[in-house]
Each structure stands twice: as C-alpha cells, then as structure tokens.
PDB file of N, CA and C in Angstrom:
ATOM      1  N   UNK A   1       0.844  -1.053  -0.007  1.00  0.00           N
ATOM      2  CA  UNK A   1       0.057  -0.048  -0.014  1.00  0.00           C
ATOM      3  C   UNK A   1       0.897   1.200  -0.015  1.00  0.00           C
ATOM      4  N   UNK A   2       0.476   2.225  -0.705  1.00  0.00           N
ATOM      5  CA  UNK A   2       1.203   3.505  -0.756  1.00  0.00           C
ATOM      6  C   UNK A   2       0.599   4.531   0.160  1.00  0.00           C
ATOM      7  N   UNK A   3       1.323   5.013   1.027  1.00  0.00           N
ATOM      8  CA  UNK A   3       0.835   6.011   2.052  1.00  0.00           C
ATOM      9  C   UNK A   3       1.546   7.432   1.760  1.00  0.00           C
ATOM     10  N   UNK A   4       0.769   8.471   1.698  1.00  0.00           N
ATOM     11  CA  UNK A   4       1.385   9.800   1.435  1.00  0.00           C
ATOM     12  C   UNK A   4       1.186  10.499   2.858  1.00  0.00           C
ATOM     13  N   UNK A   5       2.175  10.977   3.511  1.00  0.00           N
ATOM     14  CA  UNK A   5       2.156  11.556   4.816  1.00  0.00           C
ATOM     15  C   UNK A   5       2.413  13.073   4.497  1.00  0.00           C
ATOM     16  N   UNK A   6       1.432  13.910   4.857  1.00  0.00           N
ATOM     17  CA  UNK A   6       1.560  15.380   4.707  1.00  0.00           C
ATOM     18  C   UNK A   6       2.119  15.930   5.969  1.00  0.00           C
ATOM     19  N   UNK A   7       3.073  17.037   5.937  1.00  0.00           N
ATOM     20  CA  UNK A   7       3.494  17.637   6.999  1.00  0.00           C
ATOM     21  C   UNK A   7       3.953  19.101   6.680  1.00  0.00           C
ATOM     22  N   UNK A   8       3.993  19.924   7.563  1.00  0.00           N
ATOM     23  CA  UNK A   8       4.507  21.308   7.425  1.00  0.00           C
ATOM     24  C   UNK A   8       5.096  21.918   8.819  1.00  0.00           C
ATOM     25  N   UNK A   9       6.302  22.124   8.950  1.00  0.00           N
ATOM     26  CA  UNK A   9       6.818  22.590  10.197  1.00  0.00           C
ATOM     27  C   UNK A   9       7.575  21.598  10.943  1.00  0.00           C
ATOM     28  N   UNK A  10       8.430  22.020  11.965  1.00  0.00           N
ATOM     29  CA  UNK A  10       9.140  21.076  12.591  1.00  0.00           C
ATOM     30  C   UNK A  10       8.396  19.992  13.365  1.00  0.00           C
ATOM     31  N   UNK A  11       7.388  20.508  14.139  1.00  0.00           N
ATOM     32  CA  UNK A  11       6.614  19.403  14.990  1.00  0.00           C
ATOM     33  C   UNK A  11       5.930  18.381  14.079  1.00  0.00           C
ATOM     34  N   UNK A  12       5.281  18.995  13.123  1.00  0.00           N
ATOM     35  CA  UNK A  12       4.525  18.137  12.119  1.00  0.00           C
ATOM     36  C   UNK A  12       5.432  17.052  11.561  1.00  0.00           C
ATOM     37  N   UNK A  13       6.687  17.601  11.063  1.00  0.00           N
ATOM     38  CA  UNK A  13       7.718  16.818  10.377  1.00  0.00           C
ATOM     39  C   UNK A  13       8.208  15.624  11.292  1.00  0.00           C
ATOM     40  N   UNK A  14       8.276  15.940  12.552  1.00  0.00           N
ATOM     41  CA  UNK A  14       8.762  14.839  13.475  1.00  0.00           C
ATOM     42  C   UNK A  14       7.592  13.774  13.622  1.00  0.00           C
ATOM     43  N   UNK A  15       6.313  14.183  13.569  1.00  0.00           N
ATOM     44  CA  UNK A  15       5.277  13.252  13.608  1.00  0.00           C
ATOM     45  C   UNK A  15       5.289  12.434  12.321  1.00  0.00           C
ATOM     46  N   UNK A  16       5.482  13.081  11.315  1.00  0.00           N
ATOM     47  CA  UNK A  16       5.499  12.348   9.954  1.00  0.00           C
ATOM     48  C   UNK A  16       6.474  11.291   9.921  1.00  0.00           C
ATOM     49  N   UNK A  17       7.712  11.624  10.381  1.00  0.00           N
ATOM     50  CA  UNK A  17       8.869  10.640  10.417  1.00  0.00           C
ATOM     51  C   UNK A  17       8.398   9.547  11.322  1.00  0.00           C
ATOM     52  N   UNK A  18       7.948   9.883  12.450  1.00  0.00           N
ATOM     53  CA  UNK A  18       7.543   8.736  13.460  1.00  0.00           C
ATOM     54  C   UNK A  18       6.545   7.840  12.963  1.00  0.00           C
ATOM     55  N   UNK A  19       5.580   8.476  12.176  1.00  0.00           N
ATOM     56  CA  UNK A  19       4.522   7.489  11.603  1.00  0.00           C
ATOM     57  C   UNK A  19       5.112   6.662  10.463  1.00  0.00           C
ATOM     58  N   UNK A  20       5.995   7.414   9.652  1.00  0.00           N
ATOM     59  CA  UNK A  20       6.683   6.505   8.663  1.00  0.00           C
ATOM     60  C   UNK A  20       7.429   5.404   9.120  1.00  0.00           C
ATOM     61  N   UNK A  21       8.117   5.538  10.285  1.00  0.00           N
ATOM     62  CA  UNK A  21       8.881   4.553  10.968  1.00  0.00           C
ATOM     63  C   UNK A  21       8.059   3.442  11.454  1.00  0.00           C
ATOM     64  N   UNK A  22       6.937   3.837  12.049  1.00  0.00           N
ATOM     65  CA  UNK A  22       5.962   2.905  12.515  1.00  0.00           C
ATOM     66  C   UNK A  22       5.323   2.043  11.373  1.00  0.00           C
ATOM     67  N   UNK A  23       4.952   2.611  10.336  1.00  0.00           N
ATOM     68  CA  UNK A  23       4.443   1.996   9.262  1.00  0.00           C
ATOM     69  C   UNK A  23       5.469   0.887   8.664  1.00  0.00           C
ATOM     70  N   UNK A  24       6.650   1.315   8.682  1.00  0.00           N
ATOM     71  CA  UNK A  24       7.728   0.558   8.113  1.00  0.00           C
ATOM     72  C   UNK A  24       7.887  -0.685   8.978  1.00  0.00           C
ATOM     73  N   UNK A  25       7.942  -0.507  10.376  1.00  0.00           N
ATOM     74  CA  UNK A  25       8.110  -1.586  11.207  1.00  0.00           C
ATOM     75  C   UNK A  25       6.899  -2.622  11.203  1.00  0.00           C
ATOM     76  N   UNK A  26       5.795  -2.057  10.933  1.00  0.00           N
ATOM     77  CA  UNK A  26       4.598  -2.914  10.797  1.00  0.00           C
ATOM     78  C   UNK A  26       4.353  -3.563   9.368  1.00  0.00           C
ATOM     79  N   UNK A  27       5.340  -3.169   8.545  1.00  0.00           N
ATOM     80  CA  UNK A  27       5.356  -3.699   7.166  1.00  0.00           C
ATOM     81  C   UNK A  27       4.040  -3.517   6.431  1.00  0.00           C
ATOM     82  N   UNK A  28       3.467  -2.269   6.635  1.00  0.00           N
ATOM     83  CA  UNK A  28       2.167  -2.056   6.004  1.00  0.00           C
ATOM     84  C   UNK A  28       2.386  -1.648   4.459  1.00  0.00           C
ATOM     85  N   UNK A  29       3.423  -1.070   4.190  1.00  0.00           N
ATOM     86  CA  UNK A  29       3.752  -0.741   2.789  1.00  0.00           C
ATOM     87  C   UNK A  29       4.650   0.484   2.755  1.00  0.00           C
ATOM     88  N   UNK A  30       4.644   1.001   1.569  1.00  0.00           N
ATOM     89  CA  UNK A  30       5.426   2.256   1.414  1.00  0.00           C
ATOM     90  C   UNK A  30       4.870   3.523   1.845  1.00  0.00           C
ATOM     91  N   UNK A  31       5.732   4.271   2.785  1.00  0.00           N
ATOM     92  CA  UNK A  31       5.155   5.490   3.193  1.00  0.00           C
ATOM     93  C   UNK A  31       6.024   6.612   2.763  1.00  0.00           C
ATOM     94  N   UNK A  32       5.398   7.655   2.133  1.00  0.00           N
ATOM     95  CA  UNK A  32       6.250   8.772   1.473  1.00  0.00           C
ATOM     96  C   UNK A  32       6.098  10.003   2.389  1.00  0.00           C
ATOM     97  N   UNK A  33       7.206  10.523   2.771  1.00  0.00           N
ATOM     98  CA  UNK A  33       7.414  11.828   3.419  1.00  0.00           C
ATOM     99  C   UNK A  33       8.285  12.657   2.449  1.00  0.00           C
ATOM    100  N   UNK A  34       8.001  13.813   2.217  1.00  0.00           N
ATOM    101  CA  UNK A  34       8.713  14.622   1.148  1.00  0.00           C
ATOM    102  C   UNK A  34      10.176  14.944   1.495  1.00  0.00           C
ATOM    103  N   UNK A  35      10.679  14.670   2.696  1.00  0.00           N
ATOM    104  CA  UNK A  35      11.994  14.820   2.840  1.00  0.00           C
ATOM    105  C   UNK A  35      12.963  13.817   2.179  1.00  0.00           C
ATOM    106  N   UNK A  36      12.279  12.805   1.657  1.00  0.00           N
ATOM    107  CA  UNK A  36      13.000  11.613   0.957  1.00  0.00           C
ATOM    108  C   UNK A  36      13.112  11.794  -0.572  1.00  0.00           C
ATOM    109  N   UNK A  37      12.906  13.071  -1.078  1.00  0.00           N
ATOM    110  CA  UNK A  37      13.106  13.178  -2.524  1.00  0.00           C
ATOM    111  C   UNK A  37      14.439  13.337  -2.803  1.00  0.00           C
ATOM    112  N   UNK A  38      15.031  12.719  -3.749  1.00  0.00           N
ATOM    113  CA  UNK A  38      16.462  12.668  -4.118  1.00  0.00           C
ATOM    114  C   UNK A  38      16.818  14.187  -4.533  1.00  0.00           C
ATOM    115  N   UNK A  39      18.054  14.358  -4.152  1.00  0.00           N
ATOM    116  CA  UNK A  39      18.699  15.741  -4.481  1.00  0.00           C
ATOM    117  C   UNK A  39      18.824  15.813  -6.029  1.00  0.00           C
ATOM    118  N   UNK A  40      18.365  16.986  -6.490  1.00  0.00           N
ATOM    119  CA  UNK A  40      18.450  17.191  -7.967  1.00  0.00           C
ATOM    120  C   UNK A  40      17.164  16.773  -8.670  1.00  0.00           C
ATOM    121  N   UNK A  41      16.223  16.006  -7.991  1.00  0.00           N
ATOM    122  CA  UNK A  41      14.956  15.603  -8.688  1.00  0.00           C
ATOM    123  C   UNK A  41      14.059  16.734  -8.725  1.00  0.00           C
ATOM    124  N   UNK A  42      13.117  16.640  -9.677  1.00  0.00           N
ATOM    125  CA  UNK A  42      12.164  17.709  -9.872  1.00  0.00           C
ATOM    126  C   UNK A  42      11.041  17.586  -8.732  1.00  0.00           C
ATOM    127  N   UNK A  43      11.339  18.356  -7.624  1.00  0.00           N
ATOM    128  CA  UNK A  43      10.666  18.232  -6.353  1.00  0.00           C
ATOM    129  C   UNK A  43       9.213  18.309  -6.449  1.00  0.00           C
ATOM    130  N   UNK A  44       8.602  19.313  -7.141  1.00  0.00           N
ATOM    131  CA  UNK A  44       7.156  19.461  -7.208  1.00  0.00           C
ATOM    132  C   UNK A  44       6.596  18.262  -8.088  1.00  0.00           C
ATOM    133  N   UNK A  45       7.234  17.818  -9.087  1.00  0.00           N
ATOM    134  CA  UNK A  45       6.688  16.687  -9.947  1.00  0.00           C
ATOM    135  C   UNK A  45       6.738  15.414  -9.063  1.00  0.00           C
ATOM    136  N   UNK A  46       7.837  15.171  -8.312  1.00  0.00           N
ATOM    137  CA  UNK A  46       7.833  14.084  -7.364  1.00  0.00           C
ATOM    138  C   UNK A  46       6.582  14.154  -6.341  1.00  0.00           C
ATOM    139  N   UNK A  47       6.433  15.237  -5.817  1.00  0.00           N
ATOM    140  CA  UNK A  47       5.283  15.335  -4.992  1.00  0.00           C
ATOM    141  C   UNK A  47       3.853  15.001  -5.568  1.00  0.00           C
ATOM    142  N   UNK A  48       3.658  15.498  -6.720  1.00  0.00           N
ATOM    143  CA  UNK A  48       2.457  15.222  -7.624  1.00  0.00           C
ATOM    144  C   UNK A  48       2.335  13.697  -7.888  1.00  0.00           C
ATOM    145  N   UNK A  49       3.380  13.100  -8.269  1.00  0.00           N
ATOM    146  CA  UNK A  49       3.476  11.732  -8.543  1.00  0.00           C
ATOM    147  C   UNK A  49       3.194  10.814  -7.405  1.00  0.00           C
ATOM    148  N   UNK A  50       3.831  11.116  -6.202  1.00  0.00           N
ATOM    149  CA  UNK A  50       3.427  10.438  -4.980  1.00  0.00           C
ATOM    150  C   UNK A  50       2.022  10.752  -4.566  1.00  0.00           C
ATOM    151  N   UNK A  51       1.573  11.805  -4.741  1.00  0.00           N
ATOM    152  CA  UNK A  51       0.047  12.108  -4.409  1.00  0.00           C
ATOM    153  C   UNK A  51      -0.886  11.303  -5.399  1.00  0.00           C
ATOM    154  N   UNK A  52      -0.430  11.065  -6.502  1.00  0.00           N
ATOM    155  CA  UNK A  52      -1.365  10.406  -7.490  1.00  0.00           C
ATOM    156  C   UNK A  52      -1.291   8.864  -7.179  1.00  0.00           C
ATOM    157  N   UNK A  53      -0.183   8.337  -6.654  1.00  0.00           N
ATOM    158  CA  UNK A  53      -0.024   6.999  -6.389  1.00  0.00           C
ATOM    159  C   UNK A  53      -0.547   6.508  -5.085  1.00  0.00           C
ATOM    160  N   UNK A  54      -0.714   7.504  -4.247  1.00  0.00           N
ATOM    161  CA  UNK A  54      -1.206   7.173  -2.758  1.00  0.00           C
ATOM    162  C   UNK A  54      -2.606   6.505  -2.724  1.00  0.00           C
ATOM    163  N   UNK A  55      -2.552   5.508  -2.013  1.00  0.00           N
ATOM    164  CA  UNK A  55      -3.953   4.895  -1.728  1.00  0.00           C
ATOM    165  C   UNK A  55      -4.502   5.193  -0.400  1.00  0.00           C
ATOM    166  N   UNK A  56      -3.627   5.788   0.487  1.00  0.00           N
ATOM    167  CA  UNK A  56      -4.002   6.289   1.870  1.00  0.00           C
ATOM    168  C   UNK A  56      -3.236   7.701   2.006  1.00  0.00           C
ATOM    169  N   UNK A  57      -3.792   8.555   2.732  1.00  0.00           N
ATOM    170  CA  UNK A  57      -3.085   9.737   3.098  1.00  0.00           C
ATOM    171  C   UNK A  57      -3.285  10.017   4.732  1.00  0.00           C
ATOM    172  N   UNK A  58      -2.194  10.540   5.220  1.00  0.00           N
ATOM    173  CA  UNK A  58      -2.144  10.768   6.592  1.00  0.00           C
ATOM    174  C   UNK A  58      -1.738  12.252   6.767  1.00  0.00           C
ATOM    175  N   UNK A  59      -2.536  13.130   7.379  1.00  0.00           N
ATOM    176  CA  UNK A  59      -2.230  14.593   7.493  1.00  0.00           C
ATOM    177  C   UNK A  59      -1.768  14.820   8.884  1.00  0.00           C
ATOM    178  N   UNK A  60      -0.577  15.320   9.040  1.00  0.00           N
ATOM    179  CA  UNK A  60       0.022  15.596  10.394  1.00  0.00           C
ATOM    180  C   UNK A  60      -0.242  17.101  10.739  1.00  0.00           C
ATOM    181  N   UNK A  61      -1.463  17.342  11.167  1.00  0.00           N
ATOM    182  CA  UNK A  61      -1.929  18.629  11.546  1.00  0.00           C
ATOM    183  C   UNK A  61      -1.583  19.039  12.908  1.00  0.00           C
ATOM    184  N   UNK A  62      -0.998  20.278  13.037  1.00  0.00           N
ATOM    185  CA  UNK A  62      -0.649  20.838  14.355  1.00  0.00           C
ATOM    186  C   UNK A  62      -1.268  22.397  14.479  1.00  0.00           C
ATOM    187  N   UNK A  63      -1.207  22.812  15.531  1.00  0.00           N
ATOM    188  CA  UNK A  63      -1.640  24.242  15.664  1.00  0.00           C
ATOM    189  C   UNK A  63      -0.791  25.266  14.873  1.00  0.00           C
ATOM    190  N   UNK A  64       0.464  24.865  14.661  1.00  0.00           N
ATOM    191  CA  UNK A  64       1.407  25.719  13.907  1.00  0.00           C
ATOM    192  C   UNK A  64       1.133  25.703  12.509  1.00  0.00           C
ATOM    193  N   UNK A  65       0.655  24.537  11.891  1.00  0.00           N
ATOM    194  CA  UNK A  65       0.433  24.619  10.338  1.00  0.00           C
ATOM    195  C   UNK A  65      -1.016  24.545   9.889  1.00  0.00           C
ATOM    196  N   UNK A  66      -1.925  24.806  10.911  1.00  0.00           N
ATOM    197  CA  UNK A  66      -3.402  24.773  10.654  1.00  0.00           C
ATOM    198  C   UNK A  66      -3.758  25.651   9.452  1.00  0.00           C
ATOM    199  N   UNK A  67      -3.069  26.748   9.249  1.00  0.00           N
ATOM    200  CA  UNK A  67      -3.383  27.672   8.206  1.00  0.00           C
ATOM    201  C   UNK A  67      -2.318  27.635   7.014  1.00  0.00           C
ATOM    202  N   UNK A  68      -1.445  26.576   7.132  1.00  0.00           N
ATOM    203  CA  UNK A  68      -0.488  26.488   6.067  1.00  0.00           C
ATOM    204  C   UNK A  68      -1.063  26.262   4.711  1.00  0.00           C
ATOM    205  N   UNK A  69      -0.754  27.121   3.733  1.00  0.00           N
ATOM    206  CA  UNK A  69      -1.295  26.910   2.346  1.00  0.00           C
ATOM    207  C   UNK A  69      -0.727  25.413   1.785  1.00  0.00           C
ATOM    208  N   UNK A  70       0.530  25.190   2.154  1.00  0.00           N
ATOM    209  CA  UNK A  70       1.060  23.858   1.611  1.00  0.00           C
ATOM    210  C   UNK A  70       0.155  22.666   2.234  1.00  0.00           C
ATOM    211  N   UNK A  71      -0.140  22.702   3.565  1.00  0.00           N
ATOM    212  CA  UNK A  71      -0.965  21.514   4.034  1.00  0.00           C
ATOM    213  C   UNK A  71      -2.359  21.565   3.327  1.00  0.00           C
ATOM    214  N   UNK A  72      -2.924  22.712   3.138  1.00  0.00           N
ATOM    215  CA  UNK A  72      -4.201  22.753   2.364  1.00  0.00           C
ATOM    216  C   UNK A  72      -4.084  22.173   1.012  1.00  0.00           C
ATOM    217  N   UNK A  73      -2.965  22.416   0.305  1.00  0.00           N
ATOM    218  CA  UNK A  73      -2.780  21.891  -0.960  1.00  0.00           C
ATOM    219  C   UNK A  73      -2.659  20.338  -1.063  1.00  0.00           C
ATOM    220  N   UNK A  74      -1.817  19.837  -0.173  1.00  0.00           N
ATOM    221  CA  UNK A  74      -1.564  18.369   0.069  1.00  0.00           C
ATOM    222  C   UNK A  74      -2.877  17.684   0.410  1.00  0.00           C
ATOM    223  N   UNK A  75      -3.469  18.258   1.394  1.00  0.00           N
ATOM    224  CA  UNK A  75      -4.823  17.569   1.982  1.00  0.00           C
ATOM    225  C   UNK A  75      -5.922  17.654   0.846  1.00  0.00           C
ATOM    226  N   UNK A  76      -5.884  18.684   0.120  1.00  0.00           N
ATOM    227  CA  UNK A  76      -6.870  18.851  -0.985  1.00  0.00           C
ATOM    228  C   UNK A  76      -6.540  18.022  -2.114  1.00  0.00           C
ATOM    229  N   UNK A  77      -5.350  17.756  -2.521  1.00  0.00           N
ATOM    230  CA  UNK A  77      -4.966  16.817  -3.574  1.00  0.00           C
ATOM    231  C   UNK A  77      -5.213  15.381  -3.054  1.00  0.00           C
ATOM    232  N   UNK A  78      -5.015  15.088  -1.669  1.00  0.00           N
ATOM    233  CA  UNK A  78      -5.416  13.697  -1.231  1.00  0.00           C
ATOM    234  C   UNK A  78      -6.849  13.478  -1.306  1.00  0.00           C
ATOM    235  N   UNK A  79      -7.623  14.486  -0.880  1.00  0.00           N
ATOM    236  CA  UNK A  79      -9.126  14.360  -0.757  1.00  0.00           C
ATOM    237  C   UNK A  79      -9.658  14.201  -2.274  1.00  0.00           C
ATOM    238  N   UNK A  80      -9.046  14.827  -3.172  1.00  0.00           N
ATOM    239  CA  UNK A  80      -9.431  14.701  -4.596  1.00  0.00           C
ATOM    240  C   UNK A  80      -9.315  13.221  -4.977  1.00  0.00           C
ATOM    241  N   UNK A  81      -8.004  12.828  -4.834  1.00  0.00           N
ATOM    242  CA  UNK A  81      -7.741  11.538  -5.272  1.00  0.00           C
ATOM    243  C   UNK A  81      -8.237  10.322  -4.461  1.00  0.00           C
ATOM    244  N   UNK A  82      -8.695  10.531  -3.230  1.00  0.00           N
ATOM    245  CA  UNK A  82      -9.239   9.493  -2.415  1.00  0.00           C
ATOM    246  C   UNK A  82     -10.796   9.626  -2.364  1.00  0.00           C
ATOM    247  N   UNK A  83     -11.235  10.488  -3.181  1.00  0.00           N
ATOM    248  CA  UNK A  83     -12.721  10.817  -3.002  1.00  0.00           C
ATOM    249  C   UNK A  83     -13.549   9.662  -3.570  1.00  0.00           C
ATOM    250  N   UNK A  84     -14.863   9.543  -3.151  1.00  0.00           N
ATOM    251  CA  UNK A  84     -15.854   8.539  -3.609  1.00  0.00           C
ATOM    252  C   UNK A  84     -15.812   8.505  -5.217  1.00  0.00           C
ATOM    253  N   UNK A  85     -15.686   7.320  -5.751  1.00  0.00           N
ATOM    254  CA  UNK A  85     -15.765   7.299  -7.167  1.00  0.00           C
ATOM    255  C   UNK A  85     -14.316   7.318  -7.847  1.00  0.00           C
ATOM    256  N   UNK A  86     -13.283   7.648  -7.057  1.00  0.00           N
ATOM    257  CA  UNK A  86     -11.978   7.652  -7.779  1.00  0.00           C
ATOM    258  C   UNK A  86     -11.387   6.373  -7.807  1.00  0.00           C
ATOM    259  N   UNK A  87     -10.280   6.139  -8.569  1.00  0.00           N
ATOM    260  CA  UNK A  87      -9.788   4.766  -8.608  1.00  0.00           C
ATOM    261  C   UNK A  87      -9.092   4.338  -7.319  1.00  0.00           C
ATOM    262  N   UNK A  88      -8.885   5.175  -6.488  1.00  0.00           N
ATOM    263  CA  UNK A  88      -8.119   4.820  -5.115  1.00  0.00           C
ATOM    264  C   UNK A  88      -9.127   4.304  -4.144  1.00  0.00           C
ATOM    265  N   UNK A  89     -10.399   4.204  -4.338  1.00  0.00           N
ATOM    266  CA  UNK A  89     -11.359   3.916  -3.241  1.00  0.00           C
ATOM    267  C   UNK A  89     -11.801   2.481  -3.315  1.00  0.00           C
ATOM    268  N   UNK A  90     -11.105   1.515  -4.191  1.00  0.00           N
ATOM    269  CA  UNK A  90     -11.479   0.182  -4.211  1.00  0.00           C
ATOM    270  C   UNK A  90     -11.612  -0.442  -2.823  1.00  0.00           C
ATOM    271  N   UNK A  91     -12.708  -1.088  -2.540  1.00  0.00           N
ATOM    272  CA  UNK A  91     -12.823  -1.796  -1.346  1.00  0.00           C
ATOM    273  C   UNK A  91     -13.407  -0.913  -0.210  1.00  0.00           C
ATOM    274  N   UNK A  92     -13.525   0.299  -0.446  1.00  0.00           N
ATOM    275  CA  UNK A  92     -14.134   1.293   0.483  1.00  0.00           C
ATOM    276  C   UNK A  92     -15.439   1.818   0.010  1.00  0.00           C
ATOM    277  N   UNK A  93     -16.438   1.625   0.887  1.00  0.00           N
ATOM    278  CA  UNK A  93     -17.710   2.381   0.555  1.00  0.00           C
ATOM    279  C   UNK A  93     -18.075   3.505   1.420  1.00  0.00           C
ATOM    280  N   UNK A  94     -18.619   4.436   0.780  1.00  0.00           N
ATOM    281  CA  UNK A  94     -19.081   5.728   1.460  1.00  0.00           C
ATOM    282  C   UNK A  94     -20.500   5.864   1.535  1.00  0.00           C
ATOM    283  N   UNK A  95     -21.126   5.951   2.698  1.00  0.00           N
ATOM    284  CA  UNK A  95     -22.486   6.042   2.896  1.00  0.00           C
ATOM    285  C   UNK A  95     -22.953   7.417   2.457  1.00  0.00           C
ATOM    286  N   UNK A  96     -23.922   7.489   1.474  1.00  0.00           N
ATOM    287  CA  UNK A  96     -24.252   8.766   0.938  1.00  0.00           C
ATOM    288  C   UNK A  96     -25.145   9.529   1.975  1.00  0.00           C
ATOM    289  N   UNK A  97     -25.742   8.852   2.951  1.00  0.00           N
ATOM    290  CA  UNK A  97     -26.524   9.662   3.884  1.00  0.00           C
ATOM    291  C   UNK A  97     -25.688  10.173   5.026  1.00  0.00           C
ATOM    292  N   UNK A  98     -24.590   9.532   5.421  1.00  0.00           N
ATOM    293  CA  UNK A  98     -23.688  10.055   6.570  1.00  0.00           C
ATOM    294  C   UNK A  98     -22.383  10.589   6.178  1.00  0.00           C
ATOM    295  N   UNK A  99     -21.990  10.096   4.933  1.00  0.00           N
ATOM    296  CA  UNK A  99     -20.604  10.498   4.508  1.00  0.00           C
ATOM    297  C   UNK A  99     -19.430   9.810   5.088  1.00  0.00           C
ATOM    298  N   UNK A 100     -19.868   8.851   5.970  1.00  0.00           N
ATOM    299  CA  UNK A 100     -18.831   8.050   6.636  1.00  0.00           C
ATOM    300  C   UNK A 100     -18.300   6.846   5.745  1.00  0.00           C
ATOM    301  N   UNK A 101     -17.026   6.526   6.021  1.00  0.00           N
ATOM    302  CA  UNK A 101     -16.357   5.364   5.271  1.00  0.00           C
ATOM    303  C   UNK A 101     -16.752   4.061   5.973  1.00  0.00           C
ATOM    304  N   UNK A 102     -17.096   3.037   5.181  1.00  0.00           N
ATOM    305  CA  UNK A 102     -17.199   1.696   5.580  1.00  0.00           C
ATOM    306  C   UNK A 102     -16.100   0.843   4.985  1.00  0.00           C
ATOM    307  N   UNK A 103     -15.386   0.100   5.718  1.00  0.00           N
ATOM    308  CA  UNK A 103     -14.298  -0.790   5.016  1.00  0.00           C
ATOM    309  C   UNK A 103     -14.918  -2.014   4.538  1.00  0.00           C
TER     310      UNK A 103
END
C-alpha cells in the first residue's frame, strides 16, 4: 500500500517521520514523506506523482500549520484522489446519507 504523509513545520515533520517509521516496522507498505526526495530531482513533480499513487493519506496537522497553504494543497490533493468514485477507493464504501467510510 502506498501512504502519503503530509507535514509542514518542525513538529509536524517529527510526527510524519515517526509515523513513517511505525508503518515500516509494521510492514504496512511504502510511506512517503517529502524529505526523501532525491537531491536534484524535480521536487514538485515528485510530490504530484506520489500524491497520484497514494492509496492512503495521513495529514500531520498541528496548531502551527493549521493555516499552512501547503497543508491545504496536499490535503486537498489527497481528498480529490481518495474521493468516492476515484480509482483509489477500491474496497471502501462511503455512505451517501452520513458521508462515513465503511471498510
């Protein structure tokens, strides 16, 4: 499974790295945190590619990054890609009346 972890700021980054470590130890799948983009790579293109491939997204939101335009961009891209009817929602049903996810 491909997991995209959003972060912005020092505290949020620390949480993102801890979550990535936990997922790796649990052998859940590949977890992406943007600090692992190769030097010299097209940074923004790499982010967009990872967002498109993500099956799951985790947003590390803190009081410091609550209004961060970058957090809003990544969370919005995740929401669009993981929305009902997208190719990434296989095996997940969304109740039309409550909007809640059912696995």
